[in-house]
Amino acid sequence: MSSELQPDSAQVSDVDADAALVPNPHATAEQVEAARHDSKLAQVLYHDWEAETYDEKWSISYDKRCVDYARNLFDATVPFDEQRKLPYDNALELGCGSGFFLLNLIQAGVARRGSVTDLSPGMVKVATRNGENLGLDIDGRVADAERIPYDDNTFDLVVGHAVLHHIPDVELSLREVVRVLKPGGRFVFAGEPTNAGENYARPLSTLTWKVVTNATRLPGLGGWRRPQAELDESSRAAALEAIVDLHTFSPGQLEQLARNAGAVEVSTATTEFTAAMLGWPLRTLEAAVPPGRLGWGYAKFAFHSWITLSWVDDNLWRRVVPKSWFYNVMITGVKPS
């Protein structure tokens, strides 16, 4: 097992390889302003900022709950006949974040070992630490998804979760994915926002933030308000988030990008409709109030409500609502043999 962080030789603009390995968890207002004109710098600053609290913010775990969730995303995207051939030997995750997708897929039996990569040194640090704590065969590398620092024909599987919409040139990145896959190897990307989904999810989140941060100014509600310094920092992080979210997709558009990149057997699936309408306001509420203030009862309510609405989405709304209306789109494809 290896948890070594290795630099990509072609790093973010204006950041040398040694400095790029050092996470920067608290961007200044000046750095945020500079990032408005450099999307890759914004990616590093935002995800370094979020790295140590990312699992808590998004309720990510590495137990049965998230192992099953990751495997369900994989199974919903990949043909059943392919699932019968598992596990893949060597997998790569692009934009790994804290390692949620690949680490849980390895635990679910999808792959034996893997490499986690991200443009953010902070995220690579957290992902490799999580893999090490789980006893998995994982190595980590700070890397640009448009210049994947691995040789041709290296991996049997490439995965990513909520990463493609952060990449400036998605088609170029997918070409790199096809390049590093072995002939017949597969990629699976999940958690990408749809055009329609973004039109209801982000406004609901913004409205929730405004309502909560203003309501907690009222007399008697001060205990529900985060310190102003934390709210200001969250606002700067939100400003970065608006910069790093570069794309939304229709399923057809994403399929065409993959085919243009040289992939075959390309297909998409979508997930979360009413579950996203609930989930985004709840996540925003959690970020707006002091940690632990909502309590265990709220956590149970939020989780079980999301599970229930996800079931309704999959078993009811999927039959009557257009595929493109769901919030998340997932895509898979294969490198030609």
C-alpha atoms as a PDB file:
ATOM      1  CA  MET A   1       0.000   0.000   0.000  1.00  0.00           C
ATOM      2  CA  SER A   2       1.275   3.474  -0.863  1.00  0.00           C
ATOM      3  CA  SER A   3      -0.012   6.866   0.205  1.00  0.00           C
ATOM      4  CA  GLU A   4       2.717   8.930  -1.458  1.00  0.00           C
ATOM      5  CA  LEU A   5       1.654  12.242  -2.988  1.00  0.00           C
ATOM      6  CA  GLN A   6       3.361  12.799  -6.327  1.00  0.00           C
ATOM      7  CA  PRO A   7       3.336  16.084  -8.275  1.00  0.00           C
ATOM      8  CA  ASP A   8       2.246  16.339 -11.889  1.00  0.00           C
ATOM      9  CA  SER A   9       5.026  17.894 -13.956  1.00  0.00           C
ATOM     10  CA  ALA A  10       2.522  20.313 -15.522  1.00  0.00           C
ATOM     11  CA  GLN A  11       0.816  22.018 -12.606  1.00  0.00           C
ATOM     12  CA  VAL A  12      -1.590  24.906 -12.168  1.00  0.00           C
ATOM     13  CA  SER A  13      -0.514  28.200 -13.675  1.00  0.00           C
ATOM     14  CA  ASP A  14       1.689  30.350 -11.447  1.00  0.00           C
ATOM     15  CA  VAL A  15       2.180  27.517  -8.931  1.00  0.00           C
ATOM     16  CA  ASP A  16       5.443  25.541  -8.937  1.00  0.00           C
ATOM     17  CA  ALA A  17       5.416  21.816  -8.306  1.00  0.00           C
ATOM     18  CA  ASP A  18       6.758  22.017  -4.746  1.00  0.00           C
ATOM     19  CA  ALA A  19       4.312  24.734  -3.675  1.00  0.00           C
ATOM     20  CA  ALA A  20       1.453  22.882  -5.350  1.00  0.00           C
ATOM     21  CA  LEU A  21       1.888  19.998  -2.908  1.00  0.00           C
ATOM     22  CA  VAL A  22       1.090  22.243   0.058  1.00  0.00           C
ATOM     23  CA  PRO A  23      -2.660  22.670   0.729  1.00  0.00           C
ATOM     24  CA  ASN A  24      -3.955  26.215   1.225  1.00  0.00           C
ATOM     25  CA  PRO A  25      -7.054  25.808   3.418  1.00  0.00           C
ATOM     26  CA  HIS A  26      -7.896  29.516   3.893  1.00  0.00           C
ATOM     27  CA  ALA A  27      -7.865  31.623   0.748  1.00  0.00           C
ATOM     28  CA  THR A  28      -7.740  35.377   1.273  1.00  0.00           C
ATOM     29  CA  ALA A  29     -10.079  37.852  -0.381  1.00  0.00           C
ATOM     30  CA  GLU A  30      -7.190  38.835  -2.674  1.00  0.00           C
ATOM     31  CA  GLN A  31      -6.632  35.219  -3.736  1.00  0.00           C
ATOM     32  CA  VAL A  32     -10.341  34.786  -4.412  1.00  0.00           C
ATOM     33  CA  GLU A  33     -10.278  37.877  -6.609  1.00  0.00           C
ATOM     34  CA  ALA A  34      -7.267  36.538  -8.541  1.00  0.00           C
ATOM     35  CA  ALA A  35      -9.045  33.201  -8.984  1.00  0.00           C
ATOM     36  CA  ARG A  36     -11.922  34.917 -10.799  1.00  0.00           C
ATOM     37  CA  HIS A  37      -9.584  35.148 -13.780  1.00  0.00           C
ATOM     38  CA  ASP A  38      -7.981  31.684 -13.473  1.00  0.00           C
ATOM     39  CA  SER A  39     -10.415  28.785 -13.229  1.00  0.00           C
ATOM     40  CA  LYS A  40      -7.737  26.231 -12.324  1.00  0.00           C
ATOM     41  CA  LEU A  41      -6.416  28.409  -9.518  1.00  0.00           C
ATOM     42  CA  ALA A  42     -10.023  28.704  -8.343  1.00  0.00           C
ATOM     43  CA  GLN A  43     -10.306  24.900  -8.360  1.00  0.00           C
ATOM     44  CA  VAL A  44      -7.235  24.552  -6.156  1.00  0.00           C
ATOM     45  CA  LEU A  45      -8.259  27.282  -3.705  1.00  0.00           C
ATOM     46  CA  TYR A  46     -11.870  26.122  -3.379  1.00  0.00           C
ATOM     47  CA  HIS A  47     -11.134  22.427  -2.967  1.00  0.00           C
ATOM     48  CA  ASP A  48      -8.182  23.009  -0.628  1.00  0.00           C
ATOM     49  CA  TRP A  49     -10.566  25.151   1.403  1.00  0.00           C
ATOM     50  CA  GLU A  50     -13.132  22.379   1.577  1.00  0.00           C
ATOM     51  CA  ALA A  51     -10.806  19.382   1.897  1.00  0.00           C
ATOM     52  CA  GLU A  52     -10.682  18.758   5.645  1.00  0.00           C
ATOM     53  CA  THR A  53     -14.434  19.281   6.126  1.00  0.00           C
ATOM     54  CA  TYR A  54     -15.655  17.861   2.815  1.00  0.00           C
ATOM     55  CA  ASP A  55     -16.770  14.482   4.160  1.00  0.00           C
ATOM     56  CA  GLU A  56     -18.709  16.149   6.965  1.00  0.00           C
ATOM     57  CA  LYS A  57     -20.296  18.736   4.655  1.00  0.00           C
ATOM     58  CA  TRP A  58     -21.595  16.129   2.218  1.00  0.00           C
ATOM     59  CA  SER A  59     -22.243  13.368   4.787  1.00  0.00           C
ATOM     60  CA  ILE A  60     -19.638  11.149   3.130  1.00  0.00           C
ATOM     61  CA  SER A  61     -18.630   7.976   4.913  1.00  0.00           C
ATOM     62  CA  TYR A  62     -16.765   4.792   4.062  1.00  0.00           C
ATOM     63  CA  ASP A  63     -19.179   2.378   5.682  1.00  0.00           C
ATOM     64  CA  LYS A  64     -22.056   0.350   4.238  1.00  0.00           C
ATOM     65  CA  ARG A  65     -24.234   3.433   3.611  1.00  0.00           C
ATOM     66  CA  CYS A  66     -21.864   5.066   1.123  1.00  0.00           C
ATOM     67  CA  VAL A  67     -20.354   1.800  -0.125  1.00  0.00           C
ATOM     68  CA  ASP A  68     -23.850   0.770  -1.228  1.00  0.00           C
ATOM     69  CA  TYR A  69     -24.565   4.229  -2.647  1.00  0.00           C
ATOM     70  CA  ALA A  70     -21.386   4.250  -4.755  1.00  0.00           C
ATOM     71  CA  ARG A  71     -22.032   0.702  -5.971  1.00  0.00           C
ATOM     72  CA  ASN A  72     -25.624   1.589  -6.868  1.00  0.00           C
ATOM     73  CA  LEU A  73     -24.379   4.498  -9.005  1.00  0.00           C
ATOM     74  CA  PHE A  74     -21.950   2.156 -10.747  1.00  0.00           C
ATOM     75  CA  ASP A  75     -24.603  -0.527 -11.300  1.00  0.00           C
ATOM     76  CA  ALA A  76     -27.102   2.024 -12.636  1.00  0.00           C
ATOM     77  CA  THR A  77     -24.584   3.120 -15.268  1.00  0.00           C
ATOM     78  CA  VAL A  78     -22.718  -0.051 -16.316  1.00  0.00           C
ATOM     79  CA  PRO A  79     -24.376  -2.903 -18.255  1.00  0.00           C
ATOM     80  CA  PHE A  80     -25.202  -5.962 -16.158  1.00  0.00           C
ATOM     81  CA  ASP A  81     -23.024  -8.288 -18.244  1.00  0.00           C
ATOM     82  CA  GLU A  82     -20.032  -6.084 -17.452  1.00  0.00           C
ATOM     83  CA  GLN A  83     -20.806  -6.178 -13.725  1.00  0.00           C
ATOM     84  CA  ARG A  84     -20.451  -9.960 -13.798  1.00  0.00           C
ATOM     85  CA  LYS A  85     -16.746  -9.586 -14.741  1.00  0.00           C
ATOM     86  CA  LEU A  86     -15.744  -7.639 -11.628  1.00  0.00           C
ATOM     87  CA  PRO A  87     -13.392  -6.751 -10.102  1.00  0.00           C
ATOM     88  CA  TYR A  88     -11.200  -4.570 -12.310  1.00  0.00           C
ATOM     89  CA  ASP A  89      -7.538  -4.834 -11.389  1.00  0.00           C
ATOM     90  CA  ASN A  90      -6.302  -1.235 -11.512  1.00  0.00           C
ATOM     91  CA  ALA A  91      -8.503   1.867 -11.356  1.00  0.00           C
ATOM     92  CA  LEU A  92      -7.948   5.624 -11.536  1.00  0.00           C
ATOM     93  CA  GLU A  93     -10.136   8.359 -10.089  1.00  0.00           C
ATOM     94  CA  LEU A  94     -10.074  11.850 -11.585  1.00  0.00           C
ATOM     95  CA  GLY A  95     -11.026  14.767  -9.338  1.00  0.00           C
ATOM     96  CA  CYS A  96     -11.067  12.393  -6.402  1.00  0.00           C
ATOM     97  CA  GLY A  97     -12.068  14.909  -3.742  1.00  0.00           C
ATOM     98  CA  SER A  98     -11.849  13.039  -0.454  1.00  0.00           C
ATOM     99  CA  GLY A  99     -11.901   9.699  -2.286  1.00  0.00           C
ATOM    100  CA  PHE A 100     -15.611   8.977  -1.910  1.00  0.00           C
ATOM    101  CA  PHE A 101     -16.193   7.241  -5.220  1.00  0.00           C
ATOM    102  CA  LEU A 102     -13.125   5.070  -5.793  1.00  0.00           C
ATOM    103  CA  LEU A 103     -12.508   4.111  -2.160  1.00  0.00           C
ATOM    104  CA  ASN A 104     -16.091   2.975  -1.746  1.00  0.00           C
ATOM    105  CA  LEU A 105     -16.089   1.191  -5.119  1.00  0.00           C
ATOM    106  CA  ILE A 106     -12.982  -0.744  -4.089  1.00  0.00           C
ATOM    107  CA  GLN A 107     -14.730  -1.724  -0.863  1.00  0.00           C
ATOM    108  CA  ALA A 108     -17.752  -2.748  -2.942  1.00  0.00           C
ATOM    109  CA  GLY A 109     -15.631  -5.143  -4.992  1.00  0.00           C
ATOM    110  CA  VAL A 110     -15.506  -3.099  -8.214  1.00  0.00           C
ATOM    111  CA  ALA A 111     -11.685  -2.773  -8.270  1.00  0.00           C
ATOM    112  CA  ARG A 112      -8.719  -4.254  -6.418  1.00  0.00           C
ATOM    113  CA  ARG A 113      -6.462  -1.192  -6.252  1.00  0.00           C
ATOM    114  CA  GLY A 114      -6.295   2.332  -7.535  1.00  0.00           C
ATOM    115  CA  SER A 115      -4.805   5.802  -7.888  1.00  0.00           C
ATOM    116  CA  VAL A 116      -6.557   8.976  -6.739  1.00  0.00           C
ATOM    117  CA  THR A 117      -5.832  12.281  -8.469  1.00  0.00           C
ATOM    118  CA  ASP A 118      -7.015  15.833  -8.018  1.00  0.00           C
ATOM    119  CA  LEU A 119      -5.869  19.342  -8.894  1.00  0.00           C
ATOM    120  CA  SER A 120      -6.175  20.167  -5.185  1.00  0.00           C
ATOM    121  CA  PRO A 121      -3.283  19.046  -2.966  1.00  0.00           C
ATOM    122  CA  GLY A 122      -5.610  19.219   0.029  1.00  0.00           C
ATOM    123  CA  MET A 123      -8.037  16.760  -1.522  1.00  0.00           C
ATOM    124  CA  VAL A 124      -5.281  14.330  -2.542  1.00  0.00           C
ATOM    125  CA  LYS A 125      -3.945  14.466   1.009  1.00  0.00           C
ATOM    126  CA  VAL A 126      -7.370  13.642   2.475  1.00  0.00           C
ATOM    127  CA  ALA A 127      -8.168  10.934  -0.103  1.00  0.00           C
ATOM    128  CA  THR A 128      -4.873   9.097   0.373  1.00  0.00           C
ATOM    129  CA  ARG A 129      -5.245   9.376   4.149  1.00  0.00           C
ATOM    130  CA  ASN A 130      -8.760   7.933   3.927  1.00  0.00           C
ATOM    131  CA  GLY A 131      -7.496   5.084   1.745  1.00  0.00           C
ATOM    132  CA  GLU A 132      -4.657   4.379   4.152  1.00  0.00           C
ATOM    133  CA  ASN A 133      -7.042   4.343   7.125  1.00  0.00           C
ATOM    134  CA  LEU A 134      -9.214   1.824   5.278  1.00  0.00           C
ATOM    135  CA  GLY A 135      -6.222  -0.391   4.505  1.00  0.00           C
ATOM    136  CA  LEU A 136      -6.707  -0.075   0.736  1.00  0.00           C
ATOM    137  CA  ASP A 137      -4.052  -0.319  -1.965  1.00  0.00           C
ATOM    138  CA  ILE A 138      -4.115   3.356  -2.998  1.00  0.00           C
ATOM    139  CA  ASP A 139      -1.624   5.956  -4.183  1.00  0.00           C
ATOM    140  CA  GLY A 140      -2.282   9.660  -4.739  1.00  0.00           C
ATOM    141  CA  ARG A 141      -1.064  12.267  -7.193  1.00  0.00           C
ATOM    142  CA  VAL A 142      -1.757  15.977  -7.692  1.00  0.00           C
ATOM    143  CA  ALA A 143      -2.770  16.093 -11.350  1.00  0.00           C
ATOM    144  CA  ASP A 144      -4.591  18.073 -14.028  1.00  0.00           C
ATOM    145  CA  ALA A 145      -7.436  16.100 -15.624  1.00  0.00           C
ATOM    146  CA  GLU A 146      -6.594  17.654 -18.995  1.00  0.00           C
ATOM    147  CA  ARG A 147      -3.035  16.233 -18.799  1.00  0.00           C
ATOM    148  CA  ILE A 148      -3.314  12.947 -16.936  1.00  0.00           C
ATOM    149  CA  PRO A 149       0.230  12.046 -15.797  1.00  0.00           C
ATOM    150  CA  TYR A 150       0.105   8.334 -16.583  1.00  0.00           C
ATOM    151  CA  ASP A 151       1.258   6.293 -19.577  1.00  0.00           C
ATOM    152  CA  ASP A 152      -1.027   5.041 -22.314  1.00  0.00           C
ATOM    153  CA  ASN A 153      -2.931   1.814 -21.609  1.00  0.00           C
ATOM    154  CA  THR A 154      -2.372   1.887 -17.827  1.00  0.00           C
ATOM    155  CA  PHE A 155      -5.801   1.434 -16.223  1.00  0.00           C
ATOM    156  CA  ASP A 156      -8.664  -1.026 -16.505  1.00  0.00           C
ATOM    157  CA  LEU A 157     -11.179   1.463 -15.101  1.00  0.00           C
ATOM    158  CA  VAL A 158     -11.342   5.264 -14.759  1.00  0.00           C
ATOM    159  CA  VAL A 159     -13.996   6.804 -12.518  1.00  0.00           C
ATOM    160  CA  GLY A 160     -15.006  10.200 -11.272  1.00  0.00           C
ATOM    161  CA  HIS A 161     -17.812  11.745  -9.256  1.00  0.00           C
ATOM    162  CA  ALA A 162     -18.917  15.357  -9.746  1.00  0.00           C
ATOM    163  CA  VAL A 163     -15.701  16.212 -11.605  1.00  0.00           C
ATOM    164  CA  LEU A 164     -16.426  16.747 -15.316  1.00  0.00           C
ATOM    165  CA  HIS A 165     -18.363  19.976 -14.714  1.00  0.00           C
ATOM    166  CA  HIS A 166     -15.223  21.463 -13.118  1.00  0.00           C
ATOM    167  CA  ILE A 167     -12.943  20.775 -16.110  1.00  0.00           C
ATOM    168  CA  PRO A 168     -12.524  23.585 -18.657  1.00  0.00           C
ATOM    169  CA  ASP A 169     -12.160  21.292 -21.698  1.00  0.00           C
ATOM    170  CA  VAL A 170     -14.268  18.206 -21.008  1.00  0.00           C
ATOM    171  CA  GLU A 171     -13.642  16.597 -24.385  1.00  0.00           C
ATOM    172  CA  LEU A 172      -9.880  16.952 -23.971  1.00  0.00           C
ATOM    173  CA  SER A 173     -10.094  15.340 -20.536  1.00  0.00           C
ATOM    174  CA  LEU A 174     -12.154  12.457 -21.905  1.00  0.00           C
ATOM    175  CA  ARG A 175      -9.555  11.968 -24.651  1.00  0.00           C
ATOM    176  CA  GLU A 176      -6.968  11.667 -21.889  1.00  0.00           C
ATOM    177  CA  VAL A 177      -9.195   9.161 -20.091  1.00  0.00           C
ATOM    178  CA  VAL A 178      -9.430   7.030 -23.232  1.00  0.00           C
ATOM    179  CA  ARG A 179      -5.659   7.300 -23.700  1.00  0.00           C
ATOM    180  CA  VAL A 180      -4.760   5.970 -20.230  1.00  0.00           C
ATOM    181  CA  LEU A 181      -7.341   3.169 -20.371  1.00  0.00           C
ATOM    182  CA  LYS A 182      -6.266  -0.236 -21.591  1.00  0.00           C
ATOM    183  CA  PRO A 183      -8.036  -1.425 -24.764  1.00  0.00           C
ATOM    184  CA  GLY A 184     -11.497  -2.541 -23.678  1.00  0.00           C
ATOM    185  CA  GLY A 185     -11.199  -0.558 -20.443  1.00  0.00           C
ATOM    186  CA  ARG A 186     -14.197   1.366 -19.146  1.00  0.00           C
ATOM    187  CA  PHE A 187     -14.844   4.795 -17.646  1.00  0.00           C
ATOM    188  CA  VAL A 188     -17.714   5.732 -15.340  1.00  0.00           C
ATOM    189  CA  PHE A 189     -18.486   9.314 -14.343  1.00  0.00           C
ATOM    190  CA  ALA A 190     -21.381  10.089 -12.006  1.00  0.00           C
ATOM    191  CA  GLY A 191     -22.799  13.087 -10.166  1.00  0.00           C
ATOM    192  CA  GLU A 192     -22.700  15.579 -13.047  1.00  0.00           C
ATOM    193  CA  PRO A 193     -25.321  18.373 -12.976  1.00  0.00           C
ATOM    194  CA  THR A 194     -27.870  18.512 -15.768  1.00  0.00           C
ATOM    195  CA  ASN A 195     -28.970  21.714 -17.456  1.00  0.00           C
ATOM    196  CA  ALA A 196     -32.473  21.355 -16.039  1.00  0.00           C
ATOM    197  CA  GLY A 197     -31.341  20.287 -12.577  1.00  0.00           C
ATOM    198  CA  GLU A 198     -29.148  23.333 -12.121  1.00  0.00           C
ATOM    199  CA  ASN A 199     -32.164  25.552 -12.773  1.00  0.00           C
ATOM    200  CA  TYR A 200     -33.915  24.342  -9.633  1.00  0.00           C
ATOM    201  CA  ALA A 201     -31.119  23.136  -7.321  1.00  0.00           C
ATOM    202  CA  ARG A 202     -28.930  26.233  -7.114  1.00  0.00           C
ATOM    203  CA  PRO A 203     -31.833  28.730  -6.688  1.00  0.00           C
ATOM    204  CA  LEU A 204     -33.212  26.582  -3.846  1.00  0.00           C
ATOM    205  CA  SER A 205     -29.787  26.571  -2.193  1.00  0.00           C
ATOM    206  CA  THR A 206     -29.331  30.336  -2.581  1.00  0.00           C
ATOM    207  CA  LEU A 207     -32.797  31.035  -1.195  1.00  0.00           C
ATOM    208  CA  THR A 208     -32.175  28.778   1.808  1.00  0.00           C
ATOM    209  CA  TRP A 209     -28.888  30.544   2.613  1.00  0.00           C
ATOM    210  CA  LYS A 210     -30.523  33.984   2.493  1.00  0.00           C
ATOM    211  CA  VAL A 211     -33.488  32.929   4.627  1.00  0.00           C
ATOM    212  CA  VAL A 212     -31.405  31.198   7.310  1.00  0.00           C
ATOM    213  CA  THR A 213     -28.662  33.826   7.606  1.00  0.00           C
ATOM    214  CA  ASN A 214     -31.238  36.606   7.864  1.00  0.00           C
ATOM    215  CA  ALA A 215     -33.622  34.762  10.193  1.00  0.00           C
ATOM    216  CA  THR A 216     -30.833  34.006  12.672  1.00  0.00           C
ATOM    217  CA  ARG A 217     -30.309  37.751  13.139  1.00  0.00           C
ATOM    218  CA  LEU A 218     -33.687  37.926  14.867  1.00  0.00           C
ATOM    219  CA  PRO A 219     -33.901  38.170  18.677  1.00  0.00           C
ATOM    220  CA  GLY A 220     -33.744  34.787  20.367  1.00  0.00           C
ATOM    221  CA  LEU A 221     -32.188  33.014  17.365  1.00  0.00           C
ATOM    222  CA  GLY A 222     -28.583  34.051  17.918  1.00  0.00           C
ATOM    223  CA  GLY A 223     -27.666  30.545  19.063  1.00  0.00           C
ATOM    224  CA  TRP A 224     -28.536  29.291  15.598  1.00  0.00           C
ATOM    225  CA  ARG A 225     -26.158  31.699  13.863  1.00  0.00           C
ATOM    226  CA  ARG A 226     -22.579  30.918  12.978  1.00  0.00           C
ATOM    227  CA  PRO A 227     -19.982  33.527  13.956  1.00  0.00           C
ATOM    228  CA  GLN A 228     -19.844  36.299  11.369  1.00  0.00           C
ATOM    229  CA  ALA A 229     -16.221  35.452  10.504  1.00  0.00           C
ATOM    230  CA  GLU A 230     -17.308  31.912   9.550  1.00  0.00           C
ATOM    231  CA  LEU A 231     -20.211  33.233   7.497  1.00  0.00           C
ATOM    232  CA  ASP A 232     -17.888  35.637   5.696  1.00  0.00           C
ATOM    233  CA  GLU A 233     -15.503  32.776   4.956  1.00  0.00           C
ATOM    234  CA  SER A 234     -18.399  30.658   3.696  1.00  0.00           C
ATOM    235  CA  SER A 235     -19.439  33.513   1.437  1.00  0.00           C
ATOM    236  CA  ARG A 236     -15.927  33.657  -0.036  1.00  0.00           C
ATOM    237  CA  ALA A 237     -16.034  29.895  -0.530  1.00  0.00           C
ATOM    238  CA  ALA A 238     -19.430  30.263  -2.222  1.00  0.00           C
ATOM    239  CA  ALA A 239     -17.936  32.893  -4.528  1.00  0.00           C
ATOM    240  CA  LEU A 240     -15.276  30.373  -5.521  1.00  0.00           C
ATOM    241  CA  GLU A 241     -17.883  27.647  -5.963  1.00  0.00           C
ATOM    242  CA  ALA A 242     -19.656  29.800  -8.534  1.00  0.00           C
ATOM    243  CA  ILE A 243     -16.358  30.044 -10.446  1.00  0.00           C
ATOM    244  CA  VAL A 244     -15.387  26.371 -10.316  1.00  0.00           C
ATOM    245  CA  ASP A 245     -18.754  25.050 -11.506  1.00  0.00           C
ATOM    246  CA  LEU A 246     -18.104  25.549 -15.224  1.00  0.00           C
ATOM    247  CA  HIS A 247     -20.638  23.330 -16.985  1.00  0.00           C
ATOM    248  CA  THR A 248     -23.986  21.647 -16.883  1.00  0.00           C
ATOM    249  CA  PHE A 249     -24.911  18.929 -19.364  1.00  0.00           C
ATOM    250  CA  SER A 250     -27.774  17.304 -21.150  1.00  0.00           C
ATOM    251  CA  PRO A 251     -27.399  13.518 -21.377  1.00  0.00           C
ATOM    252  CA  GLY A 252     -27.120  13.732 -25.156  1.00  0.00           C
ATOM    253  CA  GLN A 253     -24.458  16.433 -25.023  1.00  0.00           C
ATOM    254  CA  LEU A 254     -22.335  14.393 -22.622  1.00  0.00           C
ATOM    255  CA  GLU A 255     -22.673  11.286 -24.792  1.00  0.00           C
ATOM    256  CA  GLN A 256     -21.488  13.243 -27.843  1.00  0.00           C
ATOM    257  CA  LEU A 257     -18.441  14.578 -25.990  1.00  0.00           C
ATOM    258  CA  ALA A 258     -17.477  11.008 -25.055  1.00  0.00           C
ATOM    259  CA  ARG A 259     -17.877   9.766 -28.626  1.00  0.00           C
ATOM    260  CA  ASN A 260     -15.840  12.694 -29.930  1.00  0.00           C
ATOM    261  CA  ALA A 261     -13.118  11.642 -27.484  1.00  0.00           C
ATOM    262  CA  GLY A 262     -12.950   8.202 -29.084  1.00  0.00           C
ATOM    263  CA  ALA A 263     -15.115   6.156 -26.712  1.00  0.00           C
ATOM    264  CA  VAL A 264     -17.523   3.454 -27.846  1.00  0.00           C
ATOM    265  CA  GLU A 265     -20.490   1.765 -26.124  1.00  0.00           C
ATOM    266  CA  VAL A 266     -21.386   5.155 -24.650  1.00  0.00           C
ATOM    267  CA  SER A 267     -24.540   5.493 -22.560  1.00  0.00           C
ATOM    268  CA  THR A 268     -25.989   7.735 -19.854  1.00  0.00           C
ATOM    269  CA  ALA A 269     -28.388   7.427 -16.938  1.00  0.00           C
ATOM    270  CA  THR A 270     -29.843  10.074 -14.630  1.00  0.00           C
ATOM    271  CA  THR A 271     -30.733  10.171 -10.946  1.00  0.00           C
ATOM    272  CA  GLU A 272     -32.257  12.450  -8.280  1.00  0.00           C
ATOM    273  CA  PHE A 273     -35.273  14.611  -9.038  1.00  0.00           C
ATOM    274  CA  THR A 274     -37.335  15.377  -5.935  1.00  0.00           C
ATOM    275  CA  ALA A 275     -34.411  14.106  -3.838  1.00  0.00           C
ATOM    276  CA  ALA A 276     -32.276  16.962  -5.193  1.00  0.00           C
ATOM    277  CA  MET A 277     -35.035  19.492  -4.491  1.00  0.00           C
ATOM    278  CA  LEU A 278     -34.861  18.451  -0.839  1.00  0.00           C
ATOM    279  CA  GLY A 279     -31.161  17.718  -0.595  1.00  0.00           C
ATOM    280  CA  TRP A 280     -29.783  21.060  -1.708  1.00  0.00           C
ATOM    281  CA  PRO A 281     -31.759  23.165   0.809  1.00  0.00           C
ATOM    282  CA  LEU A 282     -30.913  20.721   3.623  1.00  0.00           C
ATOM    283  CA  ARG A 283     -27.183  20.814   2.833  1.00  0.00           C
ATOM    284  CA  THR A 284     -27.310  24.613   2.737  1.00  0.00           C
ATOM    285  CA  LEU A 285     -29.119  24.753   6.078  1.00  0.00           C
ATOM    286  CA  GLU A 286     -26.440  22.548   7.614  1.00  0.00           C
ATOM    287  CA  ALA A 287     -23.716  24.899   6.343  1.00  0.00           C
ATOM    288  CA  ALA A 288     -25.493  27.987   7.670  1.00  0.00           C
ATOM    289  CA  VAL A 289     -25.918  26.967  11.332  1.00  0.00           C
ATOM    290  CA  PRO A 290     -23.305  25.993  13.960  1.00  0.00           C
ATOM    291  CA  PRO A 291     -22.018  22.393  13.768  1.00  0.00           C
ATOM    292  CA  GLY A 292     -24.124  19.994  15.814  1.00  0.00           C
ATOM    293  CA  ARG A 293     -26.911  22.525  16.331  1.00  0.00           C
ATOM    294  CA  LEU A 294     -29.471  20.560  14.311  1.00  0.00           C
ATOM    295  CA  GLY A 295     -28.966  17.371  16.298  1.00  0.00           C
ATOM    296  CA  TRP A 296     -29.278  13.652  15.650  1.00  0.00           C
ATOM    297  CA  GLY A 297     -33.023  13.799  15.049  1.00  0.00           C
ATOM    298  CA  TYR A 298     -32.528  16.168  12.155  1.00  0.00           C
ATOM    299  CA  ALA A 299     -29.777  13.961  10.712  1.00  0.00           C
ATOM    300  CA  LYS A 300     -32.100  10.931  10.756  1.00  0.00           C
ATOM    301  CA  PHE A 301     -34.889  12.968   9.179  1.00  0.00           C
ATOM    302  CA  ALA A 302     -32.614  14.313   6.427  1.00  0.00           C
ATOM    303  CA  PHE A 303     -31.136  10.924   5.555  1.00  0.00           C
ATOM    304  CA  HIS A 304     -34.383   8.951   5.570  1.00  0.00           C
ATOM    305  CA  SER A 305     -36.229  11.686   3.663  1.00  0.00           C
ATOM    306  CA  TRP A 306     -33.556  11.679   0.978  1.00  0.00           C
ATOM    307  CA  ILE A 307     -33.640   7.875   0.759  1.00  0.00           C
ATOM    308  CA  THR A 308     -37.433   7.920   0.453  1.00  0.00           C
ATOM    309  CA  LEU A 309     -37.475  10.571  -2.261  1.00  0.00           C
ATOM    310  CA  SER A 310     -34.688   8.787  -4.138  1.00  0.00           C
ATOM    311  CA  TRP A 311     -36.845   5.656  -4.161  1.00  0.00           C
ATOM    312  CA  VAL A 312     -39.820   7.691  -5.415  1.00  0.00           C
ATOM    313  CA  ASP A 313     -37.638   9.207  -8.131  1.00  0.00           C
ATOM    314  CA  ASP A 314     -36.369   5.816  -9.292  1.00  0.00           C
ATOM    315  CA  ASN A 315     -39.697   4.005  -9.135  1.00  0.00           C
ATOM    316  CA  LEU A 316     -42.276   6.672  -9.977  1.00  0.00           C
ATOM    317  CA  TRP A 317     -40.945   9.888 -11.469  1.00  0.00           C
ATOM    318  CA  ARG A 318     -38.544   8.036 -13.766  1.00  0.00           C
ATOM    319  CA  ARG A 319     -41.595   6.604 -15.559  1.00  0.00           C
ATOM    320  CA  VAL A 320     -43.203   9.973 -16.266  1.00  0.00           C
ATOM    321  CA  VAL A 321     -40.494  12.669 -16.119  1.00  0.00           C
ATOM    322  CA  PRO A 322     -38.047  13.206 -19.018  1.00  0.00           C
ATOM    323  CA  LYS A 323     -34.573  11.832 -18.374  1.00  0.00           C
ATOM    324  CA  SER A 324     -33.033  15.289 -18.755  1.00  0.00           C
ATOM    325  CA  TRP A 325     -35.080  16.758 -15.862  1.00  0.00           C
ATOM    326  CA  PHE A 326     -33.213  14.759 -13.216  1.00  0.00           C
ATOM    327  CA  TYR A 327     -30.441  16.564 -11.374  1.00  0.00           C
ATOM    328  CA  ASN A 328     -27.499  14.178 -11.906  1.00  0.00           C
ATOM    329  CA  VAL A 329     -26.331  12.534 -15.101  1.00  0.00           C
ATOM    330  CA  MET A 330     -23.955   9.548 -15.207  1.00  0.00           C
ATOM    331  CA  ILE A 331     -22.009   8.345 -18.228  1.00  0.00           C
ATOM    332  CA  THR A 332     -20.017   5.272 -19.183  1.00  0.00           C
ATOM    333  CA  GLY A 333     -17.997   4.299 -22.221  1.00  0.00           C
ATOM    334  CA  VAL A 334     -15.275   1.932 -23.396  1.00  0.00           C
ATOM    335  CA  LYS A 335     -11.907   2.314 -25.116  1.00  0.00           C
ATOM    336  CA  PRO A 336     -12.001   0.454 -28.435  1.00  0.00           C
ATOM    337  CA  SER A 337     -10.120  -2.858 -28.366  1.00  0.00           C
END
